[in-house]
């Protein structure tokens, strides 16, 4: 990639993205997630803020999944992908990681995303997804979000908020990797930069196969 791919229109789009804070990126993610159509924007903002705070407060966890590297992530719109079978594996896409590092330099964002931090953030992100898929952290996030779907006497059933775990994982990666902004900003900029070659990459750059 060269600076020519970040033309005036792309730079203007990225500048507009940069004006939003990390919580607002979380709101966008939730608003574009199925099951949240028509929900009150303030409720989505509350969930995004809660999930962001929850993820940032999680203590670091060691990655237990096998780490492998592959090419072809740009064509898939993916930076990393987690699979649980046959063994838990985090697949990192080297072409997308390389483009991310290039975009950071072109935009002058190195103070936000130090060298090598994108790879570390992707691993931290996936480690949190594994943690939120099993064990007490999953229940704790549900309680924090307080999405009550049923009350019966002393019993309360909390519902799953689709997309909240993604926000929490990004916030955790930001916190433990010392990033100046959420990886959500970087992935949005990356999608804008990659669009001329590979079409829109508006979905999550972190694939998940359970």
Protein backbone atom coordinates (compact mmCIF):
# COMPACT_ATOMS: atom_id res chain seq x y z
CA UNK A 1 0.00 0.00 0.00
CA UNK A 2 1.12 3.58 -0.58
CA UNK A 3 -0.02 6.94 0.69
CA UNK A 4 -1.87 7.38 -2.62
CA UNK A 5 -4.51 4.91 -1.43
CA UNK A 6 -5.34 7.27 1.42
CA UNK A 7 -6.73 9.91 -0.91
CA UNK A 8 -8.48 13.08 0.16
CA UNK A 9 -11.85 11.35 0.51
CA UNK A 10 -10.38 8.54 2.62
CA UNK A 11 -8.53 10.98 4.85
CA UNK A 12 -11.71 13.03 5.33
CA UNK A 13 -13.66 9.89 6.23
CA UNK A 14 -10.99 8.81 8.72
CA UNK A 15 -10.88 12.32 10.23
CA UNK A 16 -14.65 12.12 10.80
CA UNK A 17 -14.23 8.72 12.44
CA UNK A 18 -11.45 10.08 14.66
CA UNK A 19 -13.80 12.73 16.06
CA UNK A 20 -15.94 10.05 17.74
CA UNK A 21 -14.84 8.71 21.11
CA UNK A 22 -14.44 5.03 21.89
CA UNK A 23 -17.90 4.69 23.45
CA UNK A 24 -19.50 6.10 20.30
CA UNK A 25 -17.73 3.42 18.26
CA UNK A 26 -19.28 0.89 20.62
CA UNK A 27 -22.71 2.42 20.02
CA UNK A 28 -22.20 2.04 16.27
CA UNK A 29 -21.15 -1.57 16.68
CA UNK A 30 -24.28 -2.36 18.72
CA UNK A 31 -26.58 -0.44 16.37
CA UNK A 32 -25.29 -2.54 13.45
CA UNK A 33 -25.71 -5.82 15.35
CA UNK A 34 -28.84 -7.91 14.65
CA UNK A 35 -31.41 -7.88 17.50
CA UNK A 36 -30.70 -4.21 18.28
CA UNK A 37 -32.74 -2.70 15.47
CA UNK A 38 -34.99 0.04 16.82
CA UNK A 39 -33.49 0.07 20.31
CA UNK A 40 -33.22 3.40 22.14
CA UNK A 41 -29.84 4.99 21.26
CA UNK A 42 -29.38 5.94 24.93
CA UNK A 43 -29.78 2.31 25.96
CA UNK A 44 -27.18 1.32 23.37
CA UNK A 45 -24.89 4.05 24.70
CA UNK A 46 -25.35 2.77 28.27
CA UNK A 47 -24.51 -0.77 27.17
CA UNK A 48 -21.51 0.40 25.16
CA UNK A 49 -20.16 2.45 28.06
CA UNK A 50 -20.73 -0.41 30.51
CA UNK A 51 -19.09 -3.02 28.28
CA UNK A 52 -16.13 -0.70 27.61
CA UNK A 53 -15.58 -0.14 31.34
CA UNK A 54 -15.99 -3.85 32.09
CA UNK A 55 -13.40 -4.90 29.51
CA UNK A 56 -10.91 -2.23 30.52
CA UNK A 57 -11.12 -3.35 34.16
CA UNK A 58 -10.50 -7.04 33.46
CA UNK A 59 -7.05 -8.14 34.64
CA UNK A 60 -4.71 -9.43 31.93
CA UNK A 61 -5.16 -13.07 31.01
CA UNK A 62 -2.59 -15.32 29.41
CA UNK A 63 -3.51 -16.55 25.95
CA UNK A 64 -4.04 -20.31 26.12
CA UNK A 65 -5.00 -20.81 22.49
CA UNK A 66 -2.50 -21.89 19.86
CA UNK A 67 -1.29 -18.92 17.76
CA UNK A 68 -0.89 -19.38 14.00
CA UNK A 69 -0.23 -16.89 11.21
CA UNK A 70 -1.80 -16.86 7.76
CA UNK A 71 -2.15 -14.67 4.69
CA UNK A 72 -5.39 -13.65 2.97
CA UNK A 73 -6.99 -11.66 5.78
CA UNK A 74 -7.64 -8.58 3.64
CA UNK A 75 -9.78 -10.54 1.22
CA UNK A 76 -11.81 -11.87 4.16
CA UNK A 77 -11.97 -8.52 5.97
CA UNK A 78 -10.28 -10.14 8.97
CA UNK A 79 -7.35 -9.26 11.19
CA UNK A 80 -7.70 -12.29 13.46
CA UNK A 81 -9.96 -15.30 13.87
CA UNK A 82 -10.62 -17.57 16.84
CA UNK A 83 -11.67 -21.20 16.48
CA UNK A 84 -12.30 -23.60 19.34
CA UNK A 85 -12.08 -26.88 17.37
CA UNK A 86 -10.20 -29.13 17.04
CA UNK A 87 -8.05 -27.14 19.50
CA UNK A 88 -8.47 -23.49 20.55
CA UNK A 89 -6.59 -21.45 17.96
CA UNK A 90 -6.07 -17.76 17.23
CA UNK A 91 -5.26 -17.19 13.57
CA UNK A 92 -3.50 -13.89 12.85
CA UNK A 93 -3.61 -12.59 9.28
CA UNK A 94 -0.21 -11.14 8.45
CA UNK A 95 -1.34 -9.09 5.43
CA UNK A 96 -3.96 -7.25 7.48
CA UNK A 97 -1.50 -6.72 10.33
CA UNK A 98 1.03 -5.26 7.88
CA UNK A 99 -1.58 -2.92 6.40
CA UNK A 100 -2.60 -1.83 9.90
CA UNK A 101 0.99 -0.90 10.77
CA UNK A 102 1.32 1.01 7.48
CA UNK A 103 -1.93 2.92 8.04
CA UNK A 104 -0.82 3.85 11.57
CA UNK A 105 2.39 5.37 10.19
CA UNK A 106 0.62 7.17 7.35
CA UNK A 107 -1.90 8.72 9.75
CA UNK A 108 0.69 9.65 12.38
CA UNK A 109 -1.03 7.48 14.98
CA UNK A 110 2.09 5.80 16.35
CA UNK A 111 1.55 7.47 19.74
CA UNK A 112 -1.81 5.69 19.94
CA UNK A 113 -0.72 2.34 18.56
CA UNK A 114 2.96 1.63 19.39
CA UNK A 115 4.98 -0.63 17.11
CA UNK A 116 3.91 -4.25 17.50
CA UNK A 117 0.86 -3.36 19.56
CA UNK A 118 -1.66 -4.36 16.90
CA UNK A 119 -0.53 -7.99 17.00
CA UNK A 120 -0.49 -7.98 20.81
CA UNK A 121 -3.93 -6.36 20.91
CA UNK A 122 -5.37 -9.00 18.56
CA UNK A 123 -4.12 -11.78 20.83
CA UNK A 124 -5.39 -10.03 23.97
CA UNK A 125 -8.74 -9.45 22.27
CA UNK A 126 -9.21 -13.11 21.43
CA UNK A 127 -8.07 -14.22 24.90
CA UNK A 128 -10.87 -12.15 26.42
CA UNK A 129 -13.42 -13.63 24.04
CA UNK A 130 -12.39 -17.08 25.23
CA UNK A 131 -12.73 -15.89 28.82
CA UNK A 132 -16.18 -14.39 28.20
CA UNK A 133 -17.31 -17.58 26.51
CA UNK A 134 -16.55 -19.71 29.60
CA UNK A 135 -16.54 -19.11 33.33
CA UNK A 136 -17.70 -16.39 35.71
CA UNK A 137 -16.73 -13.38 33.54
CA UNK A 138 -19.60 -14.19 31.17
CA UNK A 139 -22.13 -13.97 34.01
CA UNK A 140 -20.45 -10.87 35.46
CA UNK A 141 -20.77 -9.00 32.14
CA UNK A 142 -24.46 -9.90 31.92
CA UNK A 143 -25.05 -8.55 35.42
CA UNK A 144 -23.13 -5.36 34.65
CA UNK A 145 -25.19 -4.72 31.51
CA UNK A 146 -28.40 -5.33 33.50
CA UNK A 147 -30.45 -6.43 30.50
CA UNK A 148 -33.32 -8.01 32.43
CA UNK A 149 -35.54 -10.27 30.36
CA UNK A 150 -37.53 -11.89 33.19
CA UNK A 151 -38.26 -11.33 36.86
CA UNK A 152 -40.03 -13.97 38.95
CA UNK A 153 -40.09 -13.29 42.66
CA UNK A 154 -36.50 -13.21 43.90
CA UNK A 155 -35.21 -14.57 40.61
CA UNK A 156 -33.93 -12.38 37.78
CA UNK A 157 -32.93 -13.59 34.33
CA UNK A 158 -30.37 -11.44 32.53
CA UNK A 159 -30.29 -11.55 28.74
CA UNK A 160 -27.34 -11.62 26.38
CA UNK A 161 -26.49 -8.28 24.74
CA UNK A 162 -25.14 -9.16 21.30
CA UNK A 163 -21.96 -7.24 20.52
CA UNK A 164 -21.18 -6.28 24.11
CA UNK A 165 -18.45 -8.91 24.39
CA UNK A 166 -16.80 -7.42 21.28
CA UNK A 167 -16.73 -3.96 22.88
CA UNK A 168 -15.37 -5.42 26.12
CA UNK A 169 -12.62 -7.30 24.26
CA UNK A 170 -11.55 -4.16 22.39
CA UNK A 171 -11.51 -2.14 25.61
CA UNK A 172 -9.43 -4.81 27.34
CA UNK A 173 -6.93 -4.84 24.47
CA UNK A 174 -6.70 -1.04 24.66
CA UNK A 175 -6.01 -1.16 28.40
CA UNK A 176 -3.52 -4.03 28.61
CA UNK A 177 -1.58 -3.07 25.47
CA UNK A 178 -1.27 0.61 26.40
CA UNK A 179 -3.15 1.92 23.37
CA UNK A 180 -4.20 5.55 23.17
CA UNK A 181 -7.49 4.66 21.48
CA UNK A 182 -9.63 1.57 21.07
CA UNK A 183 -8.71 -0.82 18.27
CA UNK A 184 -12.21 -0.06 16.97
CA UNK A 185 -10.92 3.28 15.60
CA UNK A 186 -7.99 1.56 13.90
CA UNK A 187 -10.15 -1.17 12.36
CA UNK A 188 -12.57 1.47 11.01
CA UNK A 189 -9.64 3.36 9.46
CA UNK A 190 -8.25 0.09 8.13
CA UNK A 191 -11.57 -0.75 6.47
CA UNK A 192 -11.56 2.67 4.81
CA UNK A 193 -7.99 2.16 3.57
CA UNK A 194 -8.65 -1.37 2.31
CA UNK A 195 -11.97 -0.61 0.63
CA UNK A 196 -10.58 0.37 -2.80
CA UNK A 197 -9.01 -3.11 -3.14
CA UNK A 198 -11.35 -5.39 -1.28
CA UNK A 199 -14.69 -3.63 -0.94
CA UNK A 200 -16.25 -2.60 2.34
CA UNK A 201 -14.96 -4.34 5.46
CA UNK A 202 -17.63 -2.95 7.74
CA UNK A 203 -18.00 -6.15 9.76
CA UNK A 204 -15.88 -7.12 12.73
CA UNK A 205 -12.22 -7.76 11.88
CA UNK A 206 -12.23 -10.54 14.47
CA UNK A 207 -13.83 -13.71 13.19
CA UNK A 208 -15.31 -16.15 15.66
CA UNK A 209 -16.06 -19.82 15.08
CA UNK A 210 -17.20 -21.80 18.11
